[in-house]
């Protein structure tokens, strides 16, 4: 391990009063000298001792952990997970906060990002300021919803599985992840060693009993004989090209949403919370209100979740074009939606494929971009198509706020915004914004 530079402040401790929550699962505090600290494992209003984990004398801000609580917040609970805390697992951010407080913090972050990056108040965004729990997740303080249907375990040098420490490649060995869904836990991944593996990803479909393990070997590593507690298919990530290949069992899992079954192949993307797909489809459809005969776009469409829901509602005279960059996801989307004659799925990046389609006018758009957002150029293209309504599904409030500002430049404003706590115990939050054209003269 390299020695820290002489200017490093790592290990220094400061007694501070904690200020507001910030985007990223930490709170802001300041030392007496005015240094800005981003502190984990604390809550707004607390008095704590913070130990620096990253930063030097000339750093713009420092990262820190709360290592001693002098005055606790009324929102604090004892972290139920034994692996939560300074220097431990980095997977959860808010194990030490009451569930209602977690949702309130997420709401405060959304409001702050909207104001700072888009100049919008909650009222102007059409948002009531609340973050809704997923169905079944409203539990008493001290209880943890077991929601994560996909868990990627890291493997240490001894072959033990665990989870990464915060902002680190170091592994925290665990024998149970409290937020893992029962279908993941019952596989028994943590009960055995995984020599020569880099990661072991467990997937437990919620639309079926399909279970899948995706193994990533270390360079030159050989696959172990996989004997788990439940029937499971096994996939391997190839060292040569990063492609995913089937070892045995099905190459896909079957998921279900909006009364439709979707094939998700080779460890491909699907919402992690078991209720998320239905919650988001419902929010998008309630916002878009598709009509028979509508022409719609589903951008970053994955395996076709929203395209299928829209196609169901626009009828035989309607049409849906989906665009997705992932080759395997496109194959799955085409398979999943093959019964709809007027659904087309194109492969490629949205900003490249959309202009090639020569589409100049659509009725509805839904976009579910990656964490970085859609970006200025793509938003400009979308705003030029004259859609009656646009549904923007966002997993990052900062990216959402930036893109809402771009949409405003293109003549669109939020009609409604809804926020859902589909990642309990973490700082992540999902939003659905419904946009409509700005009235002339408004």
Protein backbone atom coordinates (compact mmCIF):
# COMPACT_ATOMS: atom_id res chain seq x y z
CA UNK A 1 0.00 0.00 0.00
CA UNK A 2 1.40 3.41 -0.98
CA UNK A 3 1.99 6.01 1.68
CA UNK A 4 -0.37 9.00 1.59
CA UNK A 5 1.24 12.22 0.32
CA UNK A 6 2.50 14.62 2.97
CA UNK A 7 -0.37 17.00 2.20
CA UNK A 8 -2.95 14.25 2.80
CA UNK A 9 -5.54 14.87 5.51
CA UNK A 10 -6.69 11.23 5.61
CA UNK A 11 -7.15 10.14 9.22
CA UNK A 12 -7.58 13.67 10.59
CA UNK A 13 -10.61 14.10 12.83
CA UNK A 14 -12.87 17.14 13.20
CA UNK A 15 -15.77 17.83 15.53
CA UNK A 16 -18.52 19.31 13.34
CA UNK A 17 -22.20 20.10 13.20
CA UNK A 18 -23.85 18.43 10.23
CA UNK A 19 -25.78 20.44 7.64
CA UNK A 20 -28.11 19.35 4.83
CA UNK A 21 -28.16 16.10 2.91
CA UNK A 22 -26.37 16.15 -0.47
CA UNK A 23 -26.67 14.11 -3.66
CA UNK A 24 -24.66 10.91 -3.26
CA UNK A 25 -25.59 9.50 0.16
CA UNK A 26 -23.76 11.93 2.39
CA UNK A 27 -24.34 15.18 4.29
CA UNK A 28 -22.46 18.47 4.16
CA UNK A 29 -20.50 19.84 7.12
CA UNK A 30 -17.84 22.50 7.57
CA UNK A 31 -14.82 22.59 9.83
CA UNK A 32 -14.04 25.67 11.92
CA UNK A 33 -11.55 26.65 9.21
CA UNK A 34 -14.34 26.52 6.62
CA UNK A 35 -13.33 23.27 4.91
CA UNK A 36 -16.28 21.52 3.23
CA UNK A 37 -16.79 17.90 4.27
CA UNK A 38 -18.97 15.30 2.53
CA UNK A 39 -19.75 13.00 5.46
CA UNK A 40 -21.26 9.52 5.33
CA UNK A 41 -22.98 7.65 8.18
CA UNK A 42 -24.44 10.81 9.66
CA UNK A 43 -27.73 12.75 9.46
CA UNK A 44 -28.64 16.43 9.15
CA UNK A 45 -28.53 18.29 12.47
CA UNK A 46 -26.19 15.88 14.24
CA UNK A 47 -23.02 16.81 16.11
CA UNK A 48 -20.30 14.31 15.27
CA UNK A 49 -16.62 13.52 15.03
CA UNK A 50 -15.77 13.14 11.34
CA UNK A 51 -12.65 11.27 10.20
CA UNK A 52 -11.26 12.22 6.77
CA UNK A 53 -11.21 9.34 4.26
CA UNK A 54 -10.14 11.30 1.13
CA UNK A 55 -8.56 14.68 0.53
CA UNK A 56 -5.48 16.86 0.80
CA UNK A 57 -4.63 20.33 2.05
CA UNK A 58 -5.58 21.98 -1.24
CA UNK A 59 -8.66 19.83 -2.03
CA UNK A 60 -11.85 21.70 -2.89
CA UNK A 61 -13.72 19.42 -0.47
CA UNK A 62 -12.92 16.44 1.74
CA UNK A 63 -14.70 13.11 2.18
CA UNK A 64 -15.24 11.77 5.66
CA UNK A 65 -17.02 9.20 7.84
CA UNK A 66 -18.86 9.93 11.06
CA UNK A 67 -16.91 7.84 13.57
CA UNK A 68 -18.56 9.16 16.75
CA UNK A 69 -22.02 10.61 17.29
CA UNK A 70 -22.05 13.32 19.96
CA UNK A 71 -25.64 14.49 19.47
CA UNK A 72 -27.89 12.16 17.48
CA UNK A 73 -30.79 13.06 15.20
CA UNK A 74 -34.28 11.86 16.09
CA UNK A 75 -34.23 10.17 12.66
CA UNK A 76 -31.32 7.91 13.64
CA UNK A 77 -31.74 4.18 14.24
CA UNK A 78 -29.22 1.49 14.99
CA UNK A 79 -28.12 0.16 11.58
CA UNK A 80 -29.76 -3.29 11.25
CA UNK A 81 -26.97 -4.55 8.98
CA UNK A 82 -23.73 -5.60 10.70
CA UNK A 83 -21.77 -4.66 7.59
CA UNK A 84 -22.98 -1.06 7.53
CA UNK A 85 -20.72 1.63 8.95
CA UNK A 86 -17.41 3.45 8.45
CA UNK A 87 -14.93 1.37 6.48
CA UNK A 88 -17.42 -1.40 5.79
CA UNK A 89 -19.76 -2.25 2.87
CA UNK A 90 -20.50 0.66 0.53
CA UNK A 91 -23.76 -0.72 -0.85
CA UNK A 92 -26.19 1.07 1.48
CA UNK A 93 -26.10 4.75 2.42
CA UNK A 94 -28.98 5.12 4.91
CA UNK A 95 -29.13 1.97 7.08
CA UNK A 96 -28.85 4.30 10.09
CA UNK A 97 -31.92 6.39 9.14
CA UNK A 98 -35.63 5.73 9.68
CA UNK A 99 -37.39 4.72 6.41
CA UNK A 100 -39.53 7.88 6.37
CA UNK A 101 -36.44 10.03 6.88
CA UNK A 102 -34.68 8.28 3.99
CA UNK A 103 -37.52 9.22 1.66
CA UNK A 104 -37.53 12.77 3.01
CA UNK A 105 -33.78 13.09 2.35
CA UNK A 106 -34.25 11.85 -1.21
CA UNK A 107 -36.99 14.42 -1.70
CA UNK A 108 -34.69 17.17 -0.44
CA UNK A 109 -32.00 16.08 -2.91
CA UNK A 110 -34.47 16.08 -5.82
CA UNK A 111 -35.71 19.56 -4.85
CA UNK A 112 -32.15 20.88 -4.55
CA UNK A 113 -31.10 19.48 -7.94
CA UNK A 114 -34.23 20.82 -9.65
CA UNK A 115 -33.62 24.28 -8.24
CA UNK A 116 -29.88 24.38 -8.86
CA UNK A 117 -29.72 22.81 -12.32
CA UNK A 118 -33.14 23.61 -13.83
CA UNK A 119 -34.28 26.66 -11.84
CA UNK A 120 -37.50 24.83 -10.93
CA UNK A 121 -39.40 24.82 -7.67
CA UNK A 122 -41.33 21.63 -6.81
CA UNK A 123 -44.55 23.45 -7.75
CA UNK A 124 -43.13 24.45 -11.14
CA UNK A 125 -42.12 20.82 -11.70
CA UNK A 126 -45.64 19.62 -10.86
CA UNK A 127 -44.34 17.67 -7.88
CA UNK A 128 -45.87 17.49 -4.40
CA UNK A 129 -42.46 16.93 -2.81
CA UNK A 130 -43.04 13.36 -1.67
CA UNK A 131 -41.07 10.22 -2.48
CA UNK A 132 -43.41 7.24 -2.53
CA UNK A 133 -42.39 3.84 -1.15
CA UNK A 134 -42.88 0.83 -3.39
CA UNK A 135 -45.86 -1.41 -2.55
CA UNK A 136 -44.98 -3.58 0.44
CA UNK A 137 -41.87 -1.59 1.39
CA UNK A 138 -43.42 0.55 4.14
CA UNK A 139 -41.80 -1.13 7.12
CA UNK A 140 -41.14 -0.01 10.72
CA UNK A 141 -37.81 1.59 11.63
CA UNK A 142 -35.17 -1.08 12.10
CA UNK A 143 -36.66 -3.41 9.47
CA UNK A 144 -35.10 -3.69 6.03
CA UNK A 145 -37.02 -4.54 2.83
CA UNK A 146 -35.41 -7.44 0.97
CA UNK A 147 -35.79 -6.00 -2.51
CA UNK A 148 -32.62 -6.40 -4.53
CA UNK A 149 -33.28 -9.09 -7.16
CA UNK A 150 -29.81 -8.67 -8.69
CA UNK A 151 -26.71 -8.67 -6.52
CA UNK A 152 -23.16 -8.57 -7.85
CA UNK A 153 -20.82 -10.01 -5.25
CA UNK A 154 -17.13 -9.19 -5.36
CA UNK A 155 -14.66 -11.96 -4.53
CA UNK A 156 -11.57 -11.44 -2.39
CA UNK A 157 -8.17 -13.09 -2.82
CA UNK A 158 -9.26 -16.04 -0.66
CA UNK A 159 -12.33 -16.76 -2.79
CA UNK A 160 -14.81 -15.34 -0.26
CA UNK A 161 -17.71 -13.29 -1.60
CA UNK A 162 -18.58 -9.88 -0.30
CA UNK A 163 -19.48 -6.37 -1.41
CA UNK A 164 -17.21 -3.46 -2.30
CA UNK A 165 -16.34 -0.89 0.32
CA UNK A 166 -17.33 2.70 -0.46
CA UNK A 167 -15.27 4.21 -3.32
CA UNK A 168 -12.90 1.25 -3.13
CA UNK A 169 -12.02 -2.03 -4.81
CA UNK A 170 -11.55 -3.60 -1.37
CA UNK A 171 -14.01 -6.36 -0.51
CA UNK A 172 -16.09 -6.56 2.68
CA UNK A 173 -16.79 -10.30 3.12
CA UNK A 174 -20.41 -11.00 4.10
CA UNK A 175 -22.53 -14.00 4.96
CA UNK A 176 -25.86 -12.32 4.16
CA UNK A 177 -27.01 -9.14 2.38
CA UNK A 178 -30.12 -7.81 4.12
CA UNK A 179 -31.47 -6.00 1.06
CA UNK A 180 -31.06 -9.05 -1.21
CA UNK A 181 -34.38 -10.50 -2.37
CA UNK A 182 -35.33 -13.94 -1.00
CA UNK A 183 -34.74 -15.47 -4.43
CA UNK A 184 -31.11 -14.32 -4.32
CA UNK A 185 -30.54 -15.34 -0.71
CA UNK A 186 -31.92 -18.85 -1.26
CA UNK A 187 -29.22 -19.57 -3.86
CA UNK A 188 -26.62 -19.73 -1.07
CA UNK A 189 -23.90 -17.79 -2.90
CA UNK A 190 -22.35 -16.66 0.41
CA UNK A 191 -22.07 -20.21 1.74
CA UNK A 192 -19.31 -21.33 -0.60
CA UNK A 193 -15.95 -20.12 -1.85
CA UNK A 194 -15.44 -18.87 -5.40
CA UNK A 195 -11.73 -19.31 -6.17
CA UNK A 196 -10.36 -17.63 -9.29
CA UNK A 197 -13.51 -15.51 -9.68
CA UNK A 198 -13.56 -11.71 -9.90
CA UNK A 199 -17.32 -11.33 -9.38
CA UNK A 200 -20.39 -13.52 -8.94
CA UNK A 201 -23.71 -11.94 -9.93
CA UNK A 202 -26.94 -13.54 -8.73
CA UNK A 203 -30.23 -12.83 -10.49
CA UNK A 204 -33.63 -13.90 -9.17
CA UNK A 205 -36.44 -13.14 -11.62
CA UNK A 206 -39.68 -11.91 -10.10
CA UNK A 207 -41.84 -12.91 -13.06
CA UNK A 208 -40.87 -16.59 -12.81
CA UNK A 209 -38.77 -19.00 -10.76
CA UNK A 210 -35.81 -18.44 -13.09
CA UNK A 211 -32.49 -18.04 -11.29
CA UNK A 212 -29.19 -17.12 -12.90
CA UNK A 213 -25.56 -16.75 -11.87
CA UNK A 214 -23.13 -14.73 -13.99
CA UNK A 215 -19.47 -15.52 -13.29
CA UNK A 216 -16.57 -13.23 -14.17
CA UNK A 217 -13.26 -15.13 -13.75
CA UNK A 218 -9.99 -13.44 -12.88
CA UNK A 219 -7.54 -13.35 -15.83
CA UNK A 220 -6.78 -16.98 -16.66
CA UNK A 221 -9.23 -18.22 -14.04
CA UNK A 222 -11.17 -21.44 -14.49
CA UNK A 223 -14.86 -21.79 -13.72
CA UNK A 224 -15.72 -23.68 -10.53
CA UNK A 225 -18.28 -26.47 -10.43
CA UNK A 226 -21.42 -24.57 -9.46
CA UNK A 227 -23.55 -26.45 -6.94
CA UNK A 228 -26.05 -24.12 -5.31
CA UNK A 229 -29.10 -24.63 -3.11
CA UNK A 230 -31.59 -24.05 -5.94
CA UNK A 231 -31.72 -24.86 -9.68
CA UNK A 232 -29.86 -22.13 -11.52
CA UNK A 233 -28.50 -21.36 -14.98
CA UNK A 234 -24.86 -20.29 -15.24
CA UNK A 235 -23.33 -17.70 -17.56
CA UNK A 236 -19.71 -16.66 -17.99
CA UNK A 237 -18.23 -13.26 -18.86
CA UNK A 238 -15.42 -13.86 -21.36
CA UNK A 239 -12.04 -12.31 -20.60
CA UNK A 240 -11.31 -11.82 -24.29
CA UNK A 241 -14.25 -9.64 -25.36
CA UNK A 242 -16.37 -9.06 -22.26
CA UNK A 243 -19.21 -10.97 -23.91
CA UNK A 244 -21.56 -13.12 -21.84
CA UNK A 245 -21.83 -16.80 -22.78
CA UNK A 246 -24.06 -19.58 -21.53
CA UNK A 247 -22.40 -22.38 -19.55
CA UNK A 248 -25.54 -24.36 -18.78
CA UNK A 249 -29.25 -23.76 -18.35
CA UNK A 250 -31.26 -20.99 -19.97
CA UNK A 251 -29.47 -17.97 -21.42
CA UNK A 252 -32.29 -15.73 -20.14
CA UNK A 253 -34.69 -15.16 -17.28
CA UNK A 254 -38.40 -14.43 -17.63
CA UNK A 255 -39.67 -11.26 -15.99
CA UNK A 256 -43.24 -10.00 -15.83
CA UNK A 257 -44.77 -6.52 -15.88
CA UNK A 258 -48.03 -4.96 -17.04
CA UNK A 259 -49.48 -8.49 -17.47
CA UNK A 260 -46.84 -9.33 -20.07
CA UNK A 261 -43.82 -11.67 -19.88
CA UNK A 262 -40.42 -10.35 -20.98
CA UNK A 263 -37.34 -12.36 -21.82
CA UNK A 264 -34.15 -10.80 -20.41
CA UNK A 265 -31.07 -12.49 -21.80
CA UNK A 266 -27.45 -12.88 -20.75
CA UNK A 267 -27.66 -10.88 -17.53
CA UNK A 268 -29.27 -7.94 -19.36
CA UNK A 269 -30.91 -4.92 -17.71
CA UNK A 270 -34.18 -5.17 -15.83
CA UNK A 271 -35.36 -3.03 -12.93
CA UNK A 272 -33.84 -4.39 -9.70
CA UNK A 273 -36.76 -3.84 -7.32
CA UNK A 274 -39.46 -6.51 -7.80
CA UNK A 275 -42.21 -3.85 -7.95
CA UNK A 276 -40.29 -1.32 -10.03
CA UNK A 277 -41.29 -2.34 -13.55
CA UNK A 278 -45.02 -2.25 -12.73
CA UNK A 279 -44.72 0.98 -10.72
CA UNK A 280 -42.90 2.76 -13.55
CA UNK A 281 -45.13 1.45 -16.35
CA UNK A 282 -48.20 2.61 -14.43
CA UNK A 283 -46.71 6.06 -13.82
CA UNK A 284 -45.66 6.44 -17.47
CA UNK A 285 -49.01 5.29 -18.89
CA UNK A 286 -50.99 7.49 -16.48
CA UNK A 287 -48.87 10.43 -17.58
CA UNK A 288 -48.84 9.82 -21.33
CA UNK A 289 -52.49 8.71 -21.69
CA UNK A 290 -51.88 6.93 -25.04
CA UNK A 291 -54.70 7.07 -27.60
CA UNK A 292 -55.64 4.62 -30.32
CA UNK A 293 -53.59 5.34 -33.43
CA UNK A 294 -50.79 7.24 -31.68
CA UNK A 295 -47.23 7.10 -33.02
CA UNK A 296 -44.75 6.72 -30.15
CA UNK A 297 -41.01 6.51 -29.52
CA UNK A 298 -39.44 4.38 -26.76
CA UNK A 299 -35.82 5.49 -26.40
CA UNK A 300 -33.16 3.51 -24.52
CA UNK A 301 -35.86 0.86 -24.66
CA UNK A 302 -33.96 -2.11 -23.22
CA UNK A 303 -35.95 -5.32 -23.68
CA UNK A 304 -39.11 -3.38 -24.60
CA UNK A 305 -40.87 -2.76 -21.29
CA UNK A 306 -42.45 0.60 -22.18
CA UNK A 307 -42.76 -0.18 -25.90
CA UNK A 308 -44.93 -3.19 -25.04
CA UNK A 309 -47.11 -1.19 -22.68
CA UNK A 310 -47.64 1.57 -25.25
CA UNK A 311 -48.25 -0.88 -28.10
CA UNK A 312 -51.00 -2.51 -26.05
CA UNK A 313 -52.73 0.84 -25.72
CA UNK A 314 -52.30 2.47 -29.15
CA UNK A 315 -53.92 -0.46 -30.95
CA UNK A 316 -53.45 -1.85 -34.46
CA UNK A 317 -53.44 1.60 -36.09
CA UNK A 318 -50.81 2.92 -33.71
CA UNK A 319 -47.07 2.38 -34.04
CA UNK A 320 -44.04 2.28 -31.74
CA UNK A 321 -40.37 2.67 -32.60
CA UNK A 322 -37.89 1.53 -29.97
CA UNK A 323 -34.19 2.42 -30.03
CA UNK A 324 -31.61 0.57 -27.93
CA UNK A 325 -27.82 0.33 -28.17
CA UNK A 326 -27.33 -3.13 -26.64
CA UNK A 327 -27.33 -5.92 -29.22
CA UNK A 328 -28.66 -8.61 -26.90
CA UNK A 329 -31.35 -6.30 -25.48
CA UNK A 330 -32.51 -5.54 -29.04
CA UNK A 331 -32.79 -9.27 -29.76
CA UNK A 332 -34.84 -9.69 -26.59
CA UNK A 333 -37.05 -6.69 -27.37
CA UNK A 334 -37.79 -8.01 -30.85
CA UNK A 335 -38.65 -11.41 -29.38
CA UNK A 336 -40.79 -9.91 -26.60
CA UNK A 337 -42.78 -7.69 -28.97
CA UNK A 338 -42.97 -9.95 -32.03
CA UNK A 339 -46.77 -10.16 -31.80
CA UNK A 340 -47.12 -6.41 -32.44
CA UNK A 341 -46.98 -5.85 -36.20
CA UNK A 342 -46.44 -2.10 -35.84
CA UNK A 343 -43.59 -2.17 -33.34
CA UNK A 344 -40.06 -1.75 -34.69
CA UNK A 345 -36.83 -1.95 -32.67
CA UNK A 346 -33.65 -0.35 -34.03
CA UNK A 347 -30.17 -0.95 -32.63
CA UNK A 348 -27.75 1.89 -32.03
CA UNK A 349 -27.24 5.06 -30.05
CA UNK A 350 -30.31 7.26 -29.87
CA UNK A 351 -28.47 10.38 -31.08
CA UNK A 352 -27.28 8.48 -34.19
CA UNK A 353 -30.31 6.32 -35.03
CA UNK A 354 -33.07 8.89 -34.51
CA UNK A 355 -31.92 11.31 -37.25
CA UNK A 356 -31.53 8.37 -39.67
CA UNK A 357 -35.18 7.38 -39.23
CA UNK A 358 -36.26 10.70 -40.85
CA UNK A 359 -39.14 10.84 -38.34
CA UNK A 360 -40.32 14.43 -38.16
CA UNK A 361 -43.42 14.10 -35.99
CA UNK A 362 -44.62 11.83 -33.17
CA UNK A 363 -47.47 11.86 -30.65
CA UNK A 364 -45.70 10.42 -27.60
CA UNK A 365 -42.14 9.85 -26.41
CA UNK A 366 -40.83 7.85 -23.47
CA UNK A 367 -37.13 7.91 -22.64
CA UNK A 368 -35.31 6.03 -19.90
CA UNK A 369 -31.69 7.12 -20.41
CA UNK A 370 -28.63 5.85 -18.52
CA UNK A 371 -27.45 7.63 -15.38
CA UNK A 372 -25.71 10.40 -17.35
CA UNK A 373 -29.03 11.48 -18.90
CA UNK A 374 -30.00 12.12 -22.53
CA UNK A 375 -27.91 15.26 -23.07
CA UNK A 376 -28.46 18.54 -24.88
CA UNK A 377 -28.32 17.33 -28.48
CA UNK A 378 -30.71 14.41 -27.98
CA UNK A 379 -33.17 16.58 -26.06
CA UNK A 380 -33.03 19.15 -28.87
CA UNK A 381 -33.91 16.42 -31.39
CA UNK A 382 -36.79 15.18 -29.27
CA UNK A 383 -38.22 18.63 -28.67
CA UNK A 384 -38.37 19.19 -32.44
CA UNK A 385 -40.78 16.27 -32.97
CA UNK A 386 -43.83 18.02 -31.54
CA UNK A 387 -44.90 15.24 -29.17
CA UNK A 388 -48.12 15.80 -27.25
CA UNK A 389 -46.47 14.42 -24.15
CA UNK A 390 -43.05 13.12 -23.17
CA UNK A 391 -42.36 10.73 -20.28
CA UNK A 392 -38.84 10.95 -18.85
CA UNK A 393 -37.83 8.11 -16.52
CA UNK A 394 -34.77 9.09 -14.50
CA UNK A 395 -32.56 7.19 -12.07
CA UNK A 396 -30.46 10.29 -11.32
CA UNK A 397 -32.07 13.58 -10.22
CA UNK A 398 -29.10 15.66 -11.38
CA UNK A 399 -29.28 14.29 -14.94
CA UNK A 400 -33.06 14.76 -14.90
CA UNK A 401 -32.74 18.40 -13.83
CA UNK A 402 -30.10 19.15 -16.49
CA UNK A 403 -32.26 17.62 -19.21
CA UNK A 404 -35.39 19.44 -17.99
CA UNK A 405 -33.48 22.69 -18.49
CA UNK A 406 -32.66 21.61 -22.07
CA UNK A 407 -36.30 20.67 -22.68
CA UNK A 408 -37.34 24.13 -21.50
CA UNK A 409 -35.09 25.62 -24.19
CA UNK A 410 -36.88 23.35 -26.68
CA UNK A 411 -40.35 24.48 -25.61
CA UNK A 412 -41.34 21.80 -23.08
CA UNK A 413 -42.20 22.09 -19.41
CA UNK A 414 -42.99 19.52 -16.70
CA UNK A 415 -46.66 18.78 -16.24
CA UNK A 416 -46.13 16.37 -13.36
CA UNK A 417 -43.21 14.78 -11.57
CA UNK A 418 -43.41 11.71 -9.35
CA UNK A 419 -40.64 10.16 -7.27
CA UNK A 420 -40.42 6.55 -6.09
CA UNK A 421 -38.15 4.95 -3.50
CA UNK A 422 -37.23 1.87 -5.53
CA UNK A 423 -33.78 1.56 -3.92
CA UNK A 424 -34.42 1.56 -0.14
CA UNK A 425 -31.40 2.03 2.15
CA UNK A 426 -29.41 3.60 -0.71
CA UNK A 427 -29.31 7.21 -1.94
CA UNK A 428 -30.76 6.24 -5.32
CA UNK A 429 -34.26 7.30 -6.33
CA UNK A 430 -36.38 6.92 -9.46
CA UNK A 431 -38.39 9.79 -10.96
CA UNK A 432 -40.98 10.00 -13.72
CA UNK A 433 -41.49 13.44 -15.27
CA UNK A 434 -44.31 14.07 -17.74
CA UNK A 435 -43.59 16.97 -20.10
CA UNK A 436 -45.88 18.90 -22.40
CA UNK A 437 -45.36 21.78 -24.83
CA UNK A 438 -45.15 25.21 -23.25
CA UNK A 439 -48.29 27.19 -24.07
CA UNK A 440 -47.67 29.96 -26.59
CA UNK A 441 -47.09 33.25 -24.87
CA UNK A 442 -46.52 31.53 -21.49
